Structures are given as C-alpha cells and as structure tokens.
Amino acid sequence: MFDSFLLAFTALFSIVNPIAMALIFSQVTAERSPKERAQLATLVAVYSAIVMLTALWAGSYVLNFFGISLAALRIAGGFVVAERAWALLSAPEAHEARKQEQAAPAEEAGESDVGESAFFPLTIPFTTGPGTISVAIALGATRPRGSEGLTEFFIGVSAAALAIALLIWLSYRSADRLVALLGHTRARVLTRLFAFLLFCVGVQILLTGLLDAFPVLAAAR
C-alpha cells in the first residue's frame, strides 16, 4: 500500500505541480475578492480529486473494454508520462506559458460564475488537464494482475490522489504567500526536480509493459 502511495504521489505531484501552479493561480485571480479566491481553491481541489480518482479507478478498465491489453496500456502510458516529464524537464517556461493561457478565461470571468470557472478552466485543463489524466490512467495500469494486493493498491493510489488534492487546496489558498516565498526561479527548480522523478516513473511503467508483452525479456533477466 505504501509503495503504491509513494509511486502515485510522486507521479501526480510532478505533473500537477500545485506549488508552481499556485503562482499562476495568484495572477489570474488577483482581481477577485479573498472570499471568492478561497471558494475557487476549495472547488478546484474537490474537482481535481474527482478527476484523478476517476482516471485512477476507471481509466484502465475503460481502455481494456475496448480491447487494449494491459501491456499495451503500460507501454503507451509509460511513453506519455516520460514525454510529458521530458517537456517539463527541458522547458518549464513553455509549460508555464501554456498553463497561463489555459487559465486566462478565469481572469476575465465575472463574480457570478465562481463555480463554473472553478471547473473550467481552473480544474480542466489548468490544474488536472489531459497530462494529469494520462498519468493517472498509466498509474492505474500498474495495478496487480490478480485480486491479491488489488485492494491495497487502490487504497494507496487513492490516498495519493486525495493528498494531491489537499496540496492543491493548501497551495491555492496560500498562493500569495507562496509567490512571496518562492518566486518563479525557485518554483522552476522544484519543477525540474520532480519532472526528473516523473521521467523515471514513466520509464519504469514502460519497462513493466515491455516485460509483460515480451516474457522472454523477463526470463532473460
């Protein structure tokens, strides 16, 4: 259970990066009142938890329903996770610029649509977009083959998703203080550090898929 939690927490934290995203959240919600910003932080955290849990629990089963094998899912998921980690590692400023653009509609929204802007664009695609969903589905594909350990696995990854949602809430609620404490330079250092860990997670998922698809490789180890 702890291993599943650690794997999922590292991967989800790296792709969501709530600390760095809080810096942009602070900018795009600067014109809103403190009460509205607190409401947005709470709603985004709740919606993000729902998105991550749904992808973790159901994503791989949906793909399997369409005839995609677990090995193929792991190989494809590993590629996606590694590719997104490499993009974060090599050009975090481009990632920040894209996130700024995605969150722009929330900056222009009026006071009466806090709930609507909390889901779009601040949850999807800003906080838990396609990248996060892809990573969550890839993590779900690492579940044990049999029933043994399956419950512990889903408890571990679900706890990780809820922990990330809690961090999103704390980071967005404390966005102004994080801006003053970290700034963009330190945030980019953290982004690169966790992006490297995410890259390693992607490679590990890919290798697991290859060993599943080609048992001869596992026998040769």
C-alpha atoms as a PDB file:
ATOM      1  CA  MET A   1       0.000   0.000   0.000  1.00  0.00           C
ATOM      2  CA  PHE A   2       2.792   2.414   0.900  1.00  0.00           C
ATOM      3  CA  ASP A   3       4.674   1.605  -2.317  1.00  0.00           C
ATOM      4  CA  SER A   4       1.537   2.343  -4.358  1.00  0.00           C
ATOM      5  CA  PHE A   5       1.010   5.590  -2.472  1.00  0.00           C
ATOM      6  CA  LEU A   6       4.602   6.682  -2.991  1.00  0.00           C
ATOM      7  CA  LEU A   7       4.584   5.857  -6.705  1.00  0.00           C
ATOM      8  CA  ALA A   8       1.280   7.635  -7.354  1.00  0.00           C
ATOM      9  CA  PHE A   9       2.065  10.634  -5.153  1.00  0.00           C
ATOM     10  CA  THR A  10       5.417  11.271  -6.856  1.00  0.00           C
ATOM     11  CA  ALA A  11       3.966  10.960 -10.346  1.00  0.00           C
ATOM     12  CA  LEU A  12       0.849  13.050  -9.684  1.00  0.00           C
ATOM     13  CA  PHE A  13       2.727  15.736  -7.767  1.00  0.00           C
ATOM     14  CA  SER A  14       5.199  16.055 -10.613  1.00  0.00           C
ATOM     15  CA  ILE A  15       2.573  16.501 -13.329  1.00  0.00           C
ATOM     16  CA  VAL A  16       0.121  18.623 -11.294  1.00  0.00           C
ATOM     17  CA  ASN A  17       2.873  20.665  -9.597  1.00  0.00           C
ATOM     18  CA  PRO A  18       0.476  22.536  -7.273  1.00  0.00           C
ATOM     19  CA  ILE A  19       3.170  24.853  -5.930  1.00  0.00           C
ATOM     20  CA  ALA A  20       4.160  26.192  -9.345  1.00  0.00           C
ATOM     21  CA  MET A  21       0.521  26.349 -10.468  1.00  0.00           C
ATOM     22  CA  ALA A  22      -0.344  28.383  -7.366  1.00  0.00           C
ATOM     23  CA  LEU A  23       1.894  31.156  -8.702  1.00  0.00           C
ATOM     24  CA  ILE A  24      -0.224  31.383 -11.859  1.00  0.00           C
ATOM     25  CA  PHE A  25      -3.452  30.961  -9.866  1.00  0.00           C
ATOM     26  CA  SER A  26      -2.432  34.011  -7.845  1.00  0.00           C
ATOM     27  CA  GLN A  27      -2.058  36.050 -11.040  1.00  0.00           C
ATOM     28  CA  VAL A  28      -5.279  35.035 -12.779  1.00  0.00           C
ATOM     29  CA  THR A  29      -7.437  35.504  -9.667  1.00  0.00           C
ATOM     30  CA  ALA A  30      -5.803  38.720  -8.474  1.00  0.00           C
ATOM     31  CA  GLU A  31      -8.933  40.793  -9.232  1.00  0.00           C
ATOM     32  CA  ARG A  32     -11.236  38.551  -7.209  1.00  0.00           C
ATOM     33  CA  SER A  33     -12.095  39.046  -3.545  1.00  0.00           C
ATOM     34  CA  PRO A  34     -10.398  36.904  -0.858  1.00  0.00           C
ATOM     35  CA  LYS A  35     -13.710  35.087  -0.281  1.00  0.00           C
ATOM     36  CA  GLU A  36     -14.027  34.174  -3.978  1.00  0.00           C
ATOM     37  CA  ARG A  37     -10.421  33.020  -4.155  1.00  0.00           C
ATOM     38  CA  ALA A  38     -10.980  30.776  -1.119  1.00  0.00           C
ATOM     39  CA  GLN A  39     -14.104  29.340  -2.776  1.00  0.00           C
ATOM     40  CA  LEU A  40     -12.201  28.746  -6.007  1.00  0.00           C
ATOM     41  CA  ALA A  41      -9.369  26.981  -4.161  1.00  0.00           C
ATOM     42  CA  THR A  42     -11.828  24.652  -2.413  1.00  0.00           C
ATOM     43  CA  LEU A  43     -13.831  23.865  -5.552  1.00  0.00           C
ATOM     44  CA  VAL A  44     -10.733  23.272  -7.685  1.00  0.00           C
ATOM     45  CA  ALA A  45      -9.351  20.870  -5.057  1.00  0.00           C
ATOM     46  CA  VAL A  46     -12.635  18.914  -4.921  1.00  0.00           C
ATOM     47  CA  TYR A  47     -12.994  18.754  -8.710  1.00  0.00           C
ATOM     48  CA  SER A  48      -9.340  17.749  -9.090  1.00  0.00           C
ATOM     49  CA  ALA A  49      -9.797  14.884  -6.627  1.00  0.00           C
ATOM     50  CA  ILE A  50     -12.799  13.634  -8.625  1.00  0.00           C
ATOM     51  CA  VAL A  51     -10.886  13.818 -11.921  1.00  0.00           C
ATOM     52  CA  MET A  52      -7.832  11.984 -10.569  1.00  0.00           C
ATOM     53  CA  LEU A  53      -9.811   9.301  -8.747  1.00  0.00           C
ATOM     54  CA  THR A  54     -11.989   8.620 -11.786  1.00  0.00           C
ATOM     55  CA  ALA A  55      -8.943   8.241 -14.041  1.00  0.00           C
ATOM     56  CA  LEU A  56      -7.154   6.026 -11.500  1.00  0.00           C
ATOM     57  CA  TRP A  57     -10.116   3.737 -10.852  1.00  0.00           C
ATOM     58  CA  ALA A  58     -11.827   3.517 -14.218  1.00  0.00           C
ATOM     59  CA  GLY A  59      -9.392   4.683 -16.891  1.00  0.00           C
ATOM     60  CA  SER A  60      -7.539   1.431 -17.482  1.00  0.00           C
ATOM     61  CA  TYR A  61     -10.739  -0.641 -17.276  1.00  0.00           C
ATOM     62  CA  VAL A  62     -12.380   1.527 -19.939  1.00  0.00           C
ATOM     63  CA  LEU A  63      -9.415   1.056 -22.247  1.00  0.00           C
ATOM     64  CA  ASN A  64      -9.396  -2.689 -21.581  1.00  0.00           C
ATOM     65  CA  PHE A  65     -13.083  -2.756 -22.521  1.00  0.00           C
ATOM     66  CA  PHE A  66     -12.069  -1.561 -25.987  1.00  0.00           C
ATOM     67  CA  GLY A  67      -9.621  -4.436 -26.344  1.00  0.00           C
ATOM     68  CA  ILE A  68      -6.430  -2.634 -25.298  1.00  0.00           C
ATOM     69  CA  SER A  69      -4.261  -5.038 -23.329  1.00  0.00           C
ATOM     70  CA  LEU A  70      -2.714  -4.134 -20.007  1.00  0.00           C
ATOM     71  CA  ALA A  71       0.771  -4.470 -21.510  1.00  0.00           C
ATOM     72  CA  ALA A  72      -0.088  -2.098 -24.372  1.00  0.00           C
ATOM     73  CA  LEU A  73      -1.630   0.333 -21.894  1.00  0.00           C
ATOM     74  CA  ARG A  74       1.512   0.287 -19.775  1.00  0.00           C
ATOM     75  CA  ILE A  75       3.799   0.801 -22.773  1.00  0.00           C
ATOM     76  CA  ALA A  76       1.699   3.673 -24.141  1.00  0.00           C
ATOM     77  CA  GLY A  77       1.234   5.173 -20.687  1.00  0.00           C
ATOM     78  CA  GLY A  78       4.946   4.980 -19.987  1.00  0.00           C
ATOM     79  CA  PHE A  79       5.683   6.792 -23.241  1.00  0.00           C
ATOM     80  CA  VAL A  80       3.155   9.536 -22.436  1.00  0.00           C
ATOM     81  CA  VAL A  81       4.400  10.037 -18.880  1.00  0.00           C
ATOM     82  CA  ALA A  82       8.061  10.101 -19.957  1.00  0.00           C
ATOM     83  CA  GLU A  83       7.324  12.518 -22.821  1.00  0.00           C
ATOM     84  CA  ARG A  84       5.468  14.957 -20.591  1.00  0.00           C
ATOM     85  CA  ALA A  85       8.173  14.714 -17.943  1.00  0.00           C
ATOM     86  CA  TRP A  86      10.839  15.459 -20.557  1.00  0.00           C
ATOM     87  CA  ALA A  87       8.887  18.541 -21.699  1.00  0.00           C
ATOM     88  CA  LEU A  88       8.713  19.762 -18.100  1.00  0.00           C
ATOM     89  CA  LEU A  89      12.376  18.984 -17.546  1.00  0.00           C
ATOM     90  CA  SER A  90      13.703  20.695 -20.668  1.00  0.00           C
ATOM     91  CA  ALA A  91      11.368  23.705 -20.949  1.00  0.00           C
ATOM     92  CA  PRO A  92       9.367  24.500 -17.798  1.00  0.00           C
ATOM     93  CA  GLU A  93       8.853  28.074 -19.007  1.00  0.00           C
ATOM     94  CA  ALA A  94       6.906  26.806 -22.045  1.00  0.00           C
ATOM     95  CA  HIS A  95       4.745  24.707 -19.723  1.00  0.00           C
ATOM     96  CA  GLU A  96       4.072  27.772 -17.554  1.00  0.00           C
ATOM     97  CA  ALA A  97       3.150  29.855 -20.604  1.00  0.00           C
ATOM     98  CA  ARG A  98       0.672  27.216 -21.782  1.00  0.00           C
ATOM     99  CA  LYS A  99      -0.887  26.996 -18.321  1.00  0.00           C
ATOM    100  CA  GLN A 100      -1.167  30.790 -18.177  1.00  0.00           C
ATOM    101  CA  GLU A 101      -3.023  30.744 -21.484  1.00  0.00           C
ATOM    102  CA  GLN A 102      -5.342  27.951 -20.321  1.00  0.00           C
ATOM    103  CA  ALA A 103      -6.258  29.843 -17.148  1.00  0.00           C
ATOM    104  CA  ALA A 104      -6.843  33.167 -18.921  1.00  0.00           C
ATOM    105  CA  PRO A 105     -10.675  32.786 -19.194  1.00  0.00           C
ATOM    106  CA  ALA A 106     -10.896  32.621 -15.398  1.00  0.00           C
ATOM    107  CA  GLU A 107      -9.211  36.007 -15.181  1.00  0.00           C
ATOM    108  CA  GLU A 108     -11.827  37.541 -17.469  1.00  0.00           C
ATOM    109  CA  ALA A 109     -14.838  35.873 -15.812  1.00  0.00           C
ATOM    110  CA  GLY A 110     -17.250  37.818 -13.664  1.00  0.00           C
ATOM    111  CA  GLU A 111     -18.015  37.446  -9.987  1.00  0.00           C
ATOM    112  CA  SER A 112     -21.200  35.412 -10.520  1.00  0.00           C
ATOM    113  CA  ASP A 113     -19.578  32.369 -12.150  1.00  0.00           C
ATOM    114  CA  VAL A 114     -17.161  31.187  -9.481  1.00  0.00           C
ATOM    115  CA  GLY A 115     -18.401  27.591  -9.687  1.00  0.00           C
ATOM    116  CA  GLU A 116     -18.241  27.478 -13.472  1.00  0.00           C
ATOM    117  CA  SER A 117     -14.727  28.909 -13.751  1.00  0.00           C
ATOM    118  CA  ALA A 118     -13.569  26.609 -10.937  1.00  0.00           C
ATOM    119  CA  PHE A 119     -14.249  23.573 -13.135  1.00  0.00           C
ATOM    120  CA  PHE A 120     -13.317  25.154 -16.465  1.00  0.00           C
ATOM    121  CA  PRO A 121     -10.672  26.350 -16.924  1.00  0.00           C
ATOM    122  CA  LEU A 122      -9.142  26.198 -13.422  1.00  0.00           C
ATOM    123  CA  THR A 123      -9.583  22.443 -12.878  1.00  0.00           C
ATOM    124  CA  ILE A 124      -9.614  21.281 -16.501  1.00  0.00           C
ATOM    125  CA  PRO A 125      -7.298  21.962 -18.237  1.00  0.00           C
ATOM    126  CA  PHE A 126      -5.298  24.206 -15.872  1.00  0.00           C
ATOM    127  CA  THR A 127      -4.810  22.017 -12.766  1.00  0.00           C
ATOM    128  CA  THR A 128      -5.694  18.467 -13.815  1.00  0.00           C
ATOM    129  CA  GLY A 129      -5.694  18.501 -17.597  1.00  0.00           C
ATOM    130  CA  PRO A 130      -5.010  15.796 -20.178  1.00  0.00           C
ATOM    131  CA  GLY A 131      -1.483  15.279 -18.859  1.00  0.00           C
ATOM    132  CA  THR A 132      -2.696  14.503 -15.354  1.00  0.00           C
ATOM    133  CA  ILE A 133      -5.442  12.228 -16.668  1.00  0.00           C
ATOM    134  CA  SER A 134      -2.921  10.343 -18.823  1.00  0.00           C
ATOM    135  CA  VAL A 135      -0.575   9.888 -15.875  1.00  0.00           C
ATOM    136  CA  ALA A 136      -3.436   8.701 -13.643  1.00  0.00           C
ATOM    137  CA  ILE A 137      -4.570   6.150 -16.234  1.00  0.00           C
ATOM    138  CA  ALA A 138      -0.984   4.938 -16.623  1.00  0.00           C
ATOM    139  CA  LEU A 139      -0.727   4.567 -12.833  1.00  0.00           C
ATOM    140  CA  GLY A 140      -3.982   2.617 -12.786  1.00  0.00           C
ATOM    141  CA  ALA A 141      -2.421   0.262 -15.336  1.00  0.00           C
ATOM    142  CA  THR A 142       0.250  -0.706 -12.802  1.00  0.00           C
ATOM    143  CA  ARG A 143      -2.349  -2.468 -10.661  1.00  0.00           C
ATOM    144  CA  PRO A 144      -1.642  -6.112  -9.680  1.00  0.00           C
ATOM    145  CA  ARG A 145      -2.773  -8.706 -12.193  1.00  0.00           C
ATOM    146  CA  GLY A 146      -4.717 -10.839  -9.734  1.00  0.00           C
ATOM    147  CA  SER A 147      -7.010  -9.991  -6.862  1.00  0.00           C
ATOM    148  CA  GLU A 148      -4.175 -10.287  -4.345  1.00  0.00           C
ATOM    149  CA  GLY A 149      -2.982  -6.839  -3.368  1.00  0.00           C
ATOM    150  CA  LEU A 150      -5.564  -5.081  -5.562  1.00  0.00           C
ATOM    151  CA  THR A 151      -7.429  -3.510  -2.635  1.00  0.00           C
ATOM    152  CA  GLU A 152      -4.209  -2.241  -1.066  1.00  0.00           C
ATOM    153  CA  PHE A 153      -3.106  -0.856  -4.432  1.00  0.00           C
ATOM    154  CA  PHE A 154      -6.271   1.182  -4.963  1.00  0.00           C
ATOM    155  CA  ILE A 155      -6.247   2.402  -1.361  1.00  0.00           C
ATOM    156  CA  GLY A 156      -2.660   3.579  -1.829  1.00  0.00           C
ATOM    157  CA  VAL A 157      -3.180   5.382  -5.149  1.00  0.00           C
ATOM    158  CA  SER A 158      -6.488   6.877  -3.967  1.00  0.00           C
ATOM    159  CA  ALA A 159      -4.815   8.214  -0.840  1.00  0.00           C
ATOM    160  CA  ALA A 160      -2.132   9.759  -3.064  1.00  0.00           C
ATOM    161  CA  ALA A 161      -4.779  11.468  -5.232  1.00  0.00           C
ATOM    162  CA  LEU A 162      -6.520  12.847  -2.141  1.00  0.00           C
ATOM    163  CA  ALA A 163      -3.179  14.048  -0.752  1.00  0.00           C
ATOM    164  CA  ILE A 164      -2.509  15.892  -4.034  1.00  0.00           C
ATOM    165  CA  ALA A 165      -5.982  17.449  -3.877  1.00  0.00           C
ATOM    166  CA  LEU A 166      -5.222  18.615  -0.333  1.00  0.00           C
ATOM    167  CA  LEU A 167      -1.946  20.138  -1.526  1.00  0.00           C
ATOM    168  CA  ILE A 168      -3.809  21.897  -4.349  1.00  0.00           C
ATOM    169  CA  TRP A 169      -6.189  23.404  -1.798  1.00  0.00           C
ATOM    170  CA  LEU A 170      -3.383  24.480   0.536  1.00  0.00           C
ATOM    171  CA  SER A 171      -1.251  25.886  -2.300  1.00  0.00           C
ATOM    172  CA  TYR A 172      -4.081  27.837  -3.920  1.00  0.00           C
ATOM    173  CA  ARG A 173      -5.343  29.141  -0.570  1.00  0.00           C
ATOM    174  CA  SER A 174      -1.792  30.288   0.238  1.00  0.00           C
ATOM    175  CA  ALA A 175      -0.932  31.414  -3.294  1.00  0.00           C
ATOM    176  CA  ASP A 176       0.110  34.953  -2.344  1.00  0.00           C
ATOM    177  CA  ARG A 177       2.415  33.700   0.401  1.00  0.00           C
ATOM    178  CA  LEU A 178       3.957  31.143  -1.954  1.00  0.00           C
ATOM    179  CA  VAL A 179       4.639  33.891  -4.503  1.00  0.00           C
ATOM    180  CA  ALA A 180       6.450  35.910  -1.866  1.00  0.00           C
ATOM    181  CA  LEU A 181       8.359  32.897  -0.523  1.00  0.00           C
ATOM    182  CA  LEU A 182       9.381  31.093  -3.706  1.00  0.00           C
ATOM    183  CA  GLY A 183       9.080  33.237  -6.791  1.00  0.00           C
ATOM    184  CA  HIS A 184       9.346  31.801 -10.293  1.00  0.00           C
ATOM    185  CA  THR A 185      13.040  30.833 -10.105  1.00  0.00           C
ATOM    186  CA  ARG A 186      12.707  28.504  -7.116  1.00  0.00           C
ATOM    187  CA  ALA A 187       9.430  27.165  -8.474  1.00  0.00           C
ATOM    188  CA  ARG A 188      11.172  26.177 -11.719  1.00  0.00           C
ATOM    189  CA  VAL A 189      13.926  24.417  -9.754  1.00  0.00           C
ATOM    190  CA  LEU A 190      11.257  22.356  -7.973  1.00  0.00           C
ATOM    191  CA  THR A 191       9.535  21.714 -11.291  1.00  0.00           C
ATOM    192  CA  ARG A 192      12.713  20.281 -12.821  1.00  0.00           C
ATOM    193  CA  LEU A 193      13.431  18.156  -9.743  1.00  0.00           C
ATOM    194  CA  PHE A 194      10.014  16.497  -9.731  1.00  0.00           C
ATOM    195  CA  ALA A 195       9.946  16.291 -13.535  1.00  0.00           C
ATOM    196  CA  PHE A 196      13.039  14.074 -13.366  1.00  0.00           C
ATOM    197  CA  LEU A 197      11.296  11.811 -10.853  1.00  0.00           C
ATOM    198  CA  LEU A 198       8.268  11.697 -13.138  1.00  0.00           C
ATOM    199  CA  PHE A 199      10.511  10.763 -16.077  1.00  0.00           C
ATOM    200  CA  CYS A 200      11.852   7.833 -14.045  1.00  0.00           C
ATOM    201  CA  VAL A 201       8.285   6.754 -13.214  1.00  0.00           C
ATOM    202  CA  GLY A 202       7.391   6.831 -16.924  1.00  0.00           C
ATOM    203  CA  VAL A 203      10.400   4.724 -17.878  1.00  0.00           C
ATOM    204  CA  GLN A 204       9.550   2.210 -15.132  1.00  0.00           C
ATOM    205  CA  ILE A 205       5.943   1.883 -16.365  1.00  0.00           C
ATOM    206  CA  LEU A 206       7.255   1.436 -19.912  1.00  0.00           C
ATOM    207  CA  LEU A 207       9.720  -1.268 -18.851  1.00  0.00           C
ATOM    208  CA  THR A 208       6.988  -3.110 -16.947  1.00  0.00           C
ATOM    209  CA  GLY A 209       4.819  -3.067 -20.075  1.00  0.00           C
ATOM    210  CA  LEU A 210       7.671  -4.396 -22.221  1.00  0.00           C
ATOM    211  CA  LEU A 211       8.327  -7.231 -19.771  1.00  0.00           C
ATOM    212  CA  ASP A 212       4.616  -8.095 -19.840  1.00  0.00           C
ATOM    213  CA  ALA A 213       4.474  -8.022 -23.645  1.00  0.00           C
ATOM    214  CA  PHE A 214       7.684  -9.965 -24.130  1.00  0.00           C
ATOM    215  CA  PRO A 215       8.036 -12.548 -21.339  1.00  0.00           C
ATOM    216  CA  VAL A 216      11.316 -13.702 -22.856  1.00  0.00           C
ATOM    217  CA  LEU A 217      12.861 -10.430 -21.675  1.00  0.00           C
ATOM    218  CA  ALA A 218      11.750 -11.151 -18.108  1.00  0.00           C
ATOM    219  CA  ALA A 219      13.150 -14.691 -18.330  1.00  0.00           C
ATOM    220  CA  ALA A 220      16.490 -13.350 -19.513  1.00  0.00           C
ATOM    221  CA  ARG A 221      16.930 -11.066 -16.536  1.00  0.00           C
END
